[in-house]
């Protein structure tokens, strides 16, 4: 790919992955791959503008209803759309409906930006991913087809073995950590045709496996702090993003 220096504005749509969980900053907020990418683009382009409409917990219907038209109205050069994984990880999911909604979003976004970017989301290696693998692969296959039909780019995070490494995921086992987000930002950067800064697919160094007591303690901590609250929200129809505004609701100059 040739170096692309034409992007003067960037709008990101999605859920917690695009919001930046769990790349935590000292003040308790989240950074994430989209902020990192915006920072790189801003460093190359004067008056670069950035908006991030993502809200944690959003399903694809909510992304379509609450984010797409706002993004269209911003008329940005670059738009990223990542959604649907929250849907397919639920016990019951109509994957065909998820795909139809994703297509609706793409049909509205693609004609109104210079470059649309879609993603095959990363998956942490383990029993949860294995259980939902057929749904995920159905969704990601549709993403490939959708991109081909609408001139969008696809960042294949799912196919990158390193992003399945548990060491790149936060304690909640649902979100990448800071290093994971750094690699995603680099993956998007390279997909846009920019000069690589490092090999984002490089495997992590070998490590000594945790002892059984350490693994057991980690499992109990995960269950108490993350799994039980997540189940509680599912049973009561609540979302972690209820009442939260978009991360960066306006397309404004990005300060490094």
C-alpha atoms as a PDB file:
ATOM      1  CA  UNK A   1       0.000   0.000   0.000  1.00  0.00           C
ATOM      2  CA  UNK A   2       1.015   3.587  -0.574  1.00  0.00           C
ATOM      3  CA  UNK A   3       1.339   6.015   2.318  1.00  0.00           C
ATOM      4  CA  UNK A   4      -2.001   7.774   2.828  1.00  0.00           C
ATOM      5  CA  UNK A   5      -1.827  11.325   4.162  1.00  0.00           C
ATOM      6  CA  UNK A   6      -5.273  12.516   3.121  1.00  0.00           C
ATOM      7  CA  UNK A   7      -7.276  11.806   6.266  1.00  0.00           C
ATOM      8  CA  UNK A   8      -8.134  15.056   8.016  1.00  0.00           C
ATOM      9  CA  UNK A   9     -10.968  13.709  10.175  1.00  0.00           C
ATOM     10  CA  UNK A  10     -11.860  10.412  11.849  1.00  0.00           C
ATOM     11  CA  UNK A  11     -15.088   9.115  13.387  1.00  0.00           C
ATOM     12  CA  UNK A  12     -15.166   5.814  15.310  1.00  0.00           C
ATOM     13  CA  UNK A  13     -18.404   3.894  15.930  1.00  0.00           C
ATOM     14  CA  UNK A  14     -18.944   0.881  18.159  1.00  0.00           C
ATOM     15  CA  UNK A  15     -19.032  -0.526  21.658  1.00  0.00           C
ATOM     16  CA  UNK A  16     -16.527  -1.033  24.487  1.00  0.00           C
ATOM     17  CA  UNK A  17     -13.805  -2.230  22.107  1.00  0.00           C
ATOM     18  CA  UNK A  18     -13.790   1.114  20.294  1.00  0.00           C
ATOM     19  CA  UNK A  19     -14.379   3.064  23.502  1.00  0.00           C
ATOM     20  CA  UNK A  20     -11.034   1.684  24.668  1.00  0.00           C
ATOM     21  CA  UNK A  21     -11.802  -0.710  27.506  1.00  0.00           C
ATOM     22  CA  UNK A  22      -9.616  -1.785  29.243  1.00  0.00           C
ATOM     23  CA  UNK A  23      -6.693   0.428  28.282  1.00  0.00           C
ATOM     24  CA  UNK A  24      -6.945   2.366  31.543  1.00  0.00           C
ATOM     25  CA  UNK A  25      -5.360   5.759  32.134  1.00  0.00           C
ATOM     26  CA  UNK A  26      -4.281   7.017  35.589  1.00  0.00           C
ATOM     27  CA  UNK A  27      -7.407   9.184  35.896  1.00  0.00           C
ATOM     28  CA  UNK A  28      -9.667   6.149  35.494  1.00  0.00           C
ATOM     29  CA  UNK A  29     -10.717   6.861  31.915  1.00  0.00           C
ATOM     30  CA  UNK A  30      -9.915   4.660  28.930  1.00  0.00           C
ATOM     31  CA  UNK A  31      -7.648   5.379  25.966  1.00  0.00           C
ATOM     32  CA  UNK A  32      -7.783   2.519  23.455  1.00  0.00           C
ATOM     33  CA  UNK A  33      -6.809   1.882  19.852  1.00  0.00           C
ATOM     34  CA  UNK A  34      -9.019   4.593  18.332  1.00  0.00           C
ATOM     35  CA  UNK A  35      -7.447   7.342  20.479  1.00  0.00           C
ATOM     36  CA  UNK A  36      -3.990   6.013  19.673  1.00  0.00           C
ATOM     37  CA  UNK A  37      -4.769   5.991  15.959  1.00  0.00           C
ATOM     38  CA  UNK A  38      -6.216   9.505  16.133  1.00  0.00           C
ATOM     39  CA  UNK A  39      -3.037  10.692  17.812  1.00  0.00           C
ATOM     40  CA  UNK A  40      -0.890   9.283  15.027  1.00  0.00           C
ATOM     41  CA  UNK A  41      -3.059  10.775  12.301  1.00  0.00           C
ATOM     42  CA  UNK A  42      -3.152  14.133  14.069  1.00  0.00           C
ATOM     43  CA  UNK A  43       0.640  14.189  14.224  1.00  0.00           C
ATOM     44  CA  UNK A  44       0.732  14.049  10.420  1.00  0.00           C
ATOM     45  CA  UNK A  45      -2.164  16.401   9.638  1.00  0.00           C
ATOM     46  CA  UNK A  46      -2.702  19.960  10.908  1.00  0.00           C
ATOM     47  CA  UNK A  47      -6.191  20.663  12.298  1.00  0.00           C
ATOM     48  CA  UNK A  48      -7.017  16.963  12.398  1.00  0.00           C
ATOM     49  CA  UNK A  49     -10.473  16.303  13.909  1.00  0.00           C
ATOM     50  CA  UNK A  50     -11.678  13.230  15.783  1.00  0.00           C
ATOM     51  CA  UNK A  51     -14.951  11.935  17.225  1.00  0.00           C
ATOM     52  CA  UNK A  52     -15.567   8.653  19.044  1.00  0.00           C
ATOM     53  CA  UNK A  53     -19.263   7.767  19.312  1.00  0.00           C
ATOM     54  CA  UNK A  54     -18.665   4.373  20.950  1.00  0.00           C
ATOM     55  CA  UNK A  55     -20.404   3.378  24.181  1.00  0.00           C
ATOM     56  CA  UNK A  56     -19.685   0.177  26.074  1.00  0.00           C
ATOM     57  CA  UNK A  57     -22.291  -2.573  25.933  1.00  0.00           C
ATOM     58  CA  UNK A  58     -24.005  -1.386  22.754  1.00  0.00           C
ATOM     59  CA  UNK A  59     -25.653  -3.944  20.489  1.00  0.00           C
ATOM     60  CA  UNK A  60     -25.654  -3.548  16.712  1.00  0.00           C
ATOM     61  CA  UNK A  61     -29.243  -2.237  16.669  1.00  0.00           C
ATOM     62  CA  UNK A  62     -28.259   0.489  19.128  1.00  0.00           C
ATOM     63  CA  UNK A  63     -25.189   1.384  17.094  1.00  0.00           C
ATOM     64  CA  UNK A  64     -27.382   1.751  14.004  1.00  0.00           C
ATOM     65  CA  UNK A  65     -30.029   3.775  15.828  1.00  0.00           C
ATOM     66  CA  UNK A  66     -27.780   5.993  17.950  1.00  0.00           C
ATOM     67  CA  UNK A  67     -24.473   6.410  16.124  1.00  0.00           C
ATOM     68  CA  UNK A  68     -24.772   5.950  12.368  1.00  0.00           C
ATOM     69  CA  UNK A  69     -26.733   9.080  11.429  1.00  0.00           C
ATOM     70  CA  UNK A  70     -24.559  11.195  13.698  1.00  0.00           C
ATOM     71  CA  UNK A  71     -21.477   9.863  11.941  1.00  0.00           C
ATOM     72  CA  UNK A  72     -22.993  10.458   8.512  1.00  0.00           C
ATOM     73  CA  UNK A  73     -23.709  14.080   9.411  1.00  0.00           C
ATOM     74  CA  UNK A  74     -20.056  14.617  10.365  1.00  0.00           C
ATOM     75  CA  UNK A  75     -18.881  13.898   6.797  1.00  0.00           C
ATOM     76  CA  UNK A  76     -15.509  12.596   7.994  1.00  0.00           C
ATOM     77  CA  UNK A  77     -12.718  11.323   5.752  1.00  0.00           C
ATOM     78  CA  UNK A  78     -12.201   8.147   7.772  1.00  0.00           C
ATOM     79  CA  UNK A  79     -14.871   6.096   9.571  1.00  0.00           C
ATOM     80  CA  UNK A  80     -14.395   2.870  11.524  1.00  0.00           C
ATOM     81  CA  UNK A  81     -17.317   0.607  12.397  1.00  0.00           C
ATOM     82  CA  UNK A  82     -16.970  -2.339  14.757  1.00  0.00           C
ATOM     83  CA  UNK A  83     -20.127  -3.961  16.114  1.00  0.00           C
ATOM     84  CA  UNK A  84     -22.121  -7.146  16.449  1.00  0.00           C
ATOM     85  CA  UNK A  85     -19.834  -9.088  18.774  1.00  0.00           C
ATOM     86  CA  UNK A  86     -21.898  -8.195  21.843  1.00  0.00           C
ATOM     87  CA  UNK A  87     -24.864  -9.709  20.017  1.00  0.00           C
ATOM     88  CA  UNK A  88     -23.240 -12.993  19.037  1.00  0.00           C
ATOM     89  CA  UNK A  89     -21.842 -13.545  22.547  1.00  0.00           C
ATOM     90  CA  UNK A  90     -25.356 -13.586  24.014  1.00  0.00           C
ATOM     91  CA  UNK A  91     -27.057 -16.955  24.647  1.00  0.00           C
ATOM     92  CA  UNK A  92     -29.645 -16.308  21.950  1.00  0.00           C
ATOM     93  CA  UNK A  93     -28.740 -14.441  18.785  1.00  0.00           C
ATOM     94  CA  UNK A  94     -30.151 -14.174  15.271  1.00  0.00           C
ATOM     95  CA  UNK A  95     -26.864 -13.823  13.395  1.00  0.00           C
ATOM     96  CA  UNK A  96     -28.673 -13.165  10.109  1.00  0.00           C
ATOM     97  CA  UNK A  97     -30.404 -10.166  11.703  1.00  0.00           C
ATOM     98  CA  UNK A  98     -27.099  -8.900  13.081  1.00  0.00           C
ATOM     99  CA  UNK A  99     -25.605  -9.114   9.595  1.00  0.00           C
ATOM    100  CA  UNK A 100     -28.597  -7.291   8.088  1.00  0.00           C
ATOM    101  CA  UNK A 101     -28.204  -4.441  10.578  1.00  0.00           C
ATOM    102  CA  UNK A 102     -24.473  -4.269   9.922  1.00  0.00           C
ATOM    103  CA  UNK A 103     -25.221  -4.007   6.216  1.00  0.00           C
ATOM    104  CA  UNK A 104     -27.721  -1.231   6.876  1.00  0.00           C
ATOM    105  CA  UNK A 105     -25.031   0.708   8.733  1.00  0.00           C
ATOM    106  CA  UNK A 106     -22.449   0.187   5.993  1.00  0.00           C
ATOM    107  CA  UNK A 107     -24.890   1.246   3.261  1.00  0.00           C
ATOM    108  CA  UNK A 108     -25.434   4.541   5.083  1.00  0.00           C
ATOM    109  CA  UNK A 109     -21.810   5.169   6.033  1.00  0.00           C
ATOM    110  CA  UNK A 110     -19.819   4.109   2.956  1.00  0.00           C
ATOM    111  CA  UNK A 111     -21.131   6.793   0.553  1.00  0.00           C
ATOM    112  CA  UNK A 112     -20.498   9.533   3.123  1.00  0.00           C
ATOM    113  CA  UNK A 113     -16.821   9.045   3.915  1.00  0.00           C
ATOM    114  CA  UNK A 114     -13.619   8.714   1.955  1.00  0.00           C
ATOM    115  CA  UNK A 115     -12.644   5.435   3.632  1.00  0.00           C
ATOM    116  CA  UNK A 116     -14.711   3.041   5.724  1.00  0.00           C
ATOM    117  CA  UNK A 117     -12.873   0.476   7.853  1.00  0.00           C
ATOM    118  CA  UNK A 118     -14.461  -2.684   9.272  1.00  0.00           C
ATOM    119  CA  UNK A 119     -12.889  -5.288  11.530  1.00  0.00           C
ATOM    120  CA  UNK A 120     -12.872  -8.956  12.332  1.00  0.00           C
ATOM    121  CA  UNK A 121     -12.744  -8.531  16.105  1.00  0.00           C
ATOM    122  CA  UNK A 122     -10.113 -10.271  18.232  1.00  0.00           C
ATOM    123  CA  UNK A 123     -11.046 -13.233  20.403  1.00  0.00           C
ATOM    124  CA  UNK A 124      -9.347 -14.394  23.582  1.00  0.00           C
ATOM    125  CA  UNK A 125      -8.361 -18.050  23.420  1.00  0.00           C
ATOM    126  CA  UNK A 126     -10.471 -20.105  25.783  1.00  0.00           C
ATOM    127  CA  UNK A 127     -13.771 -21.963  26.224  1.00  0.00           C
ATOM    128  CA  UNK A 128     -15.986 -18.894  25.695  1.00  0.00           C
ATOM    129  CA  UNK A 129     -14.570 -18.151  22.262  1.00  0.00           C
ATOM    130  CA  UNK A 130     -14.747 -21.830  21.324  1.00  0.00           C
ATOM    131  CA  UNK A 131     -18.417 -22.007  22.251  1.00  0.00           C
ATOM    132  CA  UNK A 132     -19.359 -19.027  20.069  1.00  0.00           C
ATOM    133  CA  UNK A 133     -16.873 -19.710  17.271  1.00  0.00           C
ATOM    134  CA  UNK A 134     -19.448 -20.676  14.592  1.00  0.00           C
ATOM    135  CA  UNK A 135     -21.411 -17.455  15.151  1.00  0.00           C
ATOM    136  CA  UNK A 136     -18.270 -15.339  15.130  1.00  0.00           C
ATOM    137  CA  UNK A 137     -17.003 -16.883  11.920  1.00  0.00           C
ATOM    138  CA  UNK A 138     -20.398 -16.389  10.279  1.00  0.00           C
ATOM    139  CA  UNK A 139     -20.333 -12.718  11.255  1.00  0.00           C
ATOM    140  CA  UNK A 140     -16.734 -12.195  10.145  1.00  0.00           C
ATOM    141  CA  UNK A 141     -17.344 -13.926   6.822  1.00  0.00           C
ATOM    142  CA  UNK A 142     -20.183 -11.501   6.225  1.00  0.00           C
ATOM    143  CA  UNK A 143     -17.915  -8.569   7.151  1.00  0.00           C
ATOM    144  CA  UNK A 144     -15.484  -9.649   4.420  1.00  0.00           C
ATOM    145  CA  UNK A 145     -18.268  -9.858   1.856  1.00  0.00           C
ATOM    146  CA  UNK A 146     -19.736  -6.534   2.950  1.00  0.00           C
ATOM    147  CA  UNK A 147     -16.383  -4.785   2.653  1.00  0.00           C
ATOM    148  CA  UNK A 148     -15.803  -6.189  -0.830  1.00  0.00           C
ATOM    149  CA  UNK A 149     -19.168  -4.891  -2.000  1.00  0.00           C
ATOM    150  CA  UNK A 150     -18.805  -1.404  -0.524  1.00  0.00           C
ATOM    151  CA  UNK A 151     -15.118  -0.636  -0.961  1.00  0.00           C
ATOM    152  CA  UNK A 152     -14.324  -0.858   2.750  1.00  0.00           C
ATOM    153  CA  UNK A 153     -11.073  -2.063   4.292  1.00  0.00           C
ATOM    154  CA  UNK A 154     -11.052  -4.993   6.734  1.00  0.00           C
ATOM    155  CA  UNK A 155      -8.595  -5.286   9.619  1.00  0.00           C
ATOM    156  CA  UNK A 156      -8.286  -8.983  10.454  1.00  0.00           C
ATOM    157  CA  UNK A 157      -7.686  -9.017  14.188  1.00  0.00           C
ATOM    158  CA  UNK A 158      -9.424 -12.372  14.630  1.00  0.00           C
ATOM    159  CA  UNK A 159      -6.885 -14.058  12.373  1.00  0.00           C
ATOM    160  CA  UNK A 160      -3.922 -12.707  14.343  1.00  0.00           C
ATOM    161  CA  UNK A 161      -2.825 -15.496  16.672  1.00  0.00           C
ATOM    162  CA  UNK A 162      -1.123 -13.125  19.104  1.00  0.00           C
ATOM    163  CA  UNK A 163      -4.370 -11.298  19.924  1.00  0.00           C
ATOM    164  CA  UNK A 164      -5.742 -14.547  21.275  1.00  0.00           C
ATOM    165  CA  UNK A 165      -2.968 -14.641  23.882  1.00  0.00           C
ATOM    166  CA  UNK A 166      -4.560 -14.283  27.329  1.00  0.00           C
ATOM    167  CA  UNK A 167      -1.729 -11.972  28.423  1.00  0.00           C
ATOM    168  CA  UNK A 168      -3.076  -9.238  26.111  1.00  0.00           C
ATOM    169  CA  UNK A 169      -6.476  -9.258  27.814  1.00  0.00           C
ATOM    170  CA  UNK A 170      -7.670  -7.516  30.967  1.00  0.00           C
ATOM    171  CA  UNK A 171      -8.854  -9.302  34.100  1.00  0.00           C
ATOM    172  CA  UNK A 172     -12.468  -9.176  32.880  1.00  0.00           C
ATOM    173  CA  UNK A 173     -11.450 -11.477  29.982  1.00  0.00           C
ATOM    174  CA  UNK A 174     -13.652  -9.431  27.649  1.00  0.00           C
ATOM    175  CA  UNK A 175     -11.401  -6.499  26.740  1.00  0.00           C
ATOM    176  CA  UNK A 176      -7.860  -6.037  25.526  1.00  0.00           C
ATOM    177  CA  UNK A 177      -5.298  -4.412  27.804  1.00  0.00           C
ATOM    178  CA  UNK A 178      -3.081  -1.483  26.862  1.00  0.00           C
ATOM    179  CA  UNK A 179      -0.623  -3.541  24.840  1.00  0.00           C
ATOM    180  CA  UNK A 180      -3.502  -5.205  23.000  1.00  0.00           C
ATOM    181  CA  UNK A 181      -4.944  -1.830  22.028  1.00  0.00           C
ATOM    182  CA  UNK A 182      -1.499  -0.612  20.941  1.00  0.00           C
ATOM    183  CA  UNK A 183      -1.279  -3.531  18.543  1.00  0.00           C
ATOM    184  CA  UNK A 184      -4.781  -2.897  17.188  1.00  0.00           C
ATOM    185  CA  UNK A 185      -3.913   0.756  16.511  1.00  0.00           C
ATOM    186  CA  UNK A 186      -0.848  -0.393  14.586  1.00  0.00           C
ATOM    187  CA  UNK A 187      -2.933  -2.918  12.639  1.00  0.00           C
ATOM    188  CA  UNK A 188      -5.373  -0.206  11.513  1.00  0.00           C
ATOM    189  CA  UNK A 189      -2.479   2.168  10.782  1.00  0.00           C
ATOM    190  CA  UNK A 190      -0.879  -0.374   8.463  1.00  0.00           C
ATOM    191  CA  UNK A 191      -4.192  -1.302   6.828  1.00  0.00           C
ATOM    192  CA  UNK A 192      -4.629   2.368   5.911  1.00  0.00           C
ATOM    193  CA  UNK A 193      -1.357   2.144   4.027  1.00  0.00           C
ATOM    194  CA  UNK A 194       0.955   3.905   6.455  1.00  0.00           C
ATOM    195  CA  UNK A 195       4.554   2.877   7.031  1.00  0.00           C
ATOM    196  CA  UNK A 196       4.727   0.121   9.680  1.00  0.00           C
ATOM    197  CA  UNK A 197       6.202   1.080  13.036  1.00  0.00           C
ATOM    198  CA  UNK A 198       6.438  -2.447  14.422  1.00  0.00           C
ATOM    199  CA  UNK A 199       5.179  -5.980  13.785  1.00  0.00           C
ATOM    200  CA  UNK A 200       1.826  -6.016  15.578  1.00  0.00           C
ATOM    201  CA  UNK A 201       1.454  -9.758  14.928  1.00  0.00           C
ATOM    202  CA  UNK A 202       4.696 -10.680  16.715  1.00  0.00           C
ATOM    203  CA  UNK A 203       4.160 -13.334  19.378  1.00  0.00           C
ATOM    204  CA  UNK A 204       4.778 -12.529  23.027  1.00  0.00           C
ATOM    205  CA  UNK A 205       7.842 -14.078  24.691  1.00  0.00           C
ATOM    206  CA  UNK A 206       7.368 -17.505  26.194  1.00  0.00           C
ATOM    207  CA  UNK A 207       6.256 -17.449  29.812  1.00  0.00           C
ATOM    208  CA  UNK A 208       6.140 -19.857  32.728  1.00  0.00           C
ATOM    209  CA  UNK A 209       2.580 -21.176  33.193  1.00  0.00           C
ATOM    210  CA  UNK A 210       0.824 -20.124  36.385  1.00  0.00           C
ATOM    211  CA  UNK A 211       0.527 -22.677  39.150  1.00  0.00           C
ATOM    212  CA  UNK A 212      -2.845 -24.314  39.809  1.00  0.00           C
ATOM    213  CA  UNK A 213      -3.454 -22.227  42.988  1.00  0.00           C
ATOM    214  CA  UNK A 214      -2.677 -19.013  41.084  1.00  0.00           C
ATOM    215  CA  UNK A 215      -5.031 -19.973  38.242  1.00  0.00           C
ATOM    216  CA  UNK A 216      -7.742 -20.894  40.724  1.00  0.00           C
ATOM    217  CA  UNK A 217      -7.374 -17.585  42.551  1.00  0.00           C
ATOM    218  CA  UNK A 218      -7.583 -15.708  39.246  1.00  0.00           C
ATOM    219  CA  UNK A 219     -10.719 -17.638  38.264  1.00  0.00           C
ATOM    220  CA  UNK A 220     -12.409 -16.860  41.594  1.00  0.00           C
ATOM    221  CA  UNK A 221     -11.491 -13.179  41.323  1.00  0.00           C
ATOM    222  CA  UNK A 222     -12.830 -13.044  37.764  1.00  0.00           C
ATOM    223  CA  UNK A 223     -16.085 -14.726  38.807  1.00  0.00           C
ATOM    224  CA  UNK A 224     -16.665 -12.396  41.744  1.00  0.00           C
ATOM    225  CA  UNK A 225     -15.631  -9.115  40.148  1.00  0.00           C
ATOM    226  CA  UNK A 226     -16.712  -9.575  36.538  1.00  0.00           C
ATOM    227  CA  UNK A 227     -18.777 -12.676  35.717  1.00  0.00           C
ATOM    228  CA  UNK A 228     -21.436 -12.336  38.425  1.00  0.00           C
ATOM    229  CA  UNK A 229     -22.103  -8.634  37.679  1.00  0.00           C
ATOM    230  CA  UNK A 230     -22.268  -9.449  33.951  1.00  0.00           C
ATOM    231  CA  UNK A 231     -24.831 -12.209  34.562  1.00  0.00           C
ATOM    232  CA  UNK A 232     -26.802  -9.831  36.769  1.00  0.00           C
ATOM    233  CA  UNK A 233     -27.022  -7.271  33.982  1.00  0.00           C
ATOM    234  CA  UNK A 234     -28.157  -9.917  31.499  1.00  0.00           C
ATOM    235  CA  UNK A 235     -30.898 -11.154  33.855  1.00  0.00           C
ATOM    236  CA  UNK A 236     -32.213  -7.645  34.486  1.00  0.00           C
ATOM    237  CA  UNK A 237     -31.881  -6.371  30.924  1.00  0.00           C
ATOM    238  CA  UNK A 238     -29.306  -3.750  31.858  1.00  0.00           C
ATOM    239  CA  UNK A 239     -26.115  -2.759  30.067  1.00  0.00           C
ATOM    240  CA  UNK A 240     -22.808  -1.419  31.337  1.00  0.00           C
ATOM    241  CA  UNK A 241     -23.319   1.532  28.994  1.00  0.00           C
ATOM    242  CA  UNK A 242     -26.785   2.547  30.169  1.00  0.00           C
ATOM    243  CA  UNK A 243     -26.893   6.301  30.654  1.00  0.00           C
ATOM    244  CA  UNK A 244     -23.355   6.895  29.417  1.00  0.00           C
ATOM    245  CA  UNK A 245     -22.711   9.473  26.677  1.00  0.00           C
ATOM    246  CA  UNK A 246     -20.486   8.802  23.665  1.00  0.00           C
ATOM    247  CA  UNK A 247     -16.800   8.929  24.454  1.00  0.00           C
ATOM    248  CA  UNK A 248     -16.174  11.961  22.209  1.00  0.00           C
ATOM    249  CA  UNK A 249     -19.500  13.151  20.826  1.00  0.00           C
ATOM    250  CA  UNK A 250     -18.296  16.000  18.604  1.00  0.00           C
ATOM    251  CA  UNK A 251     -15.895  16.097  15.691  1.00  0.00           C
ATOM    252  CA  UNK A 252     -13.298  18.435  17.160  1.00  0.00           C
ATOM    253  CA  UNK A 253      -9.574  19.082  16.766  1.00  0.00           C
ATOM    254  CA  UNK A 254      -7.564  16.367  18.491  1.00  0.00           C
ATOM    255  CA  UNK A 255      -4.964  17.540  20.943  1.00  0.00           C
ATOM    256  CA  UNK A 256      -1.966  15.242  21.246  1.00  0.00           C
END
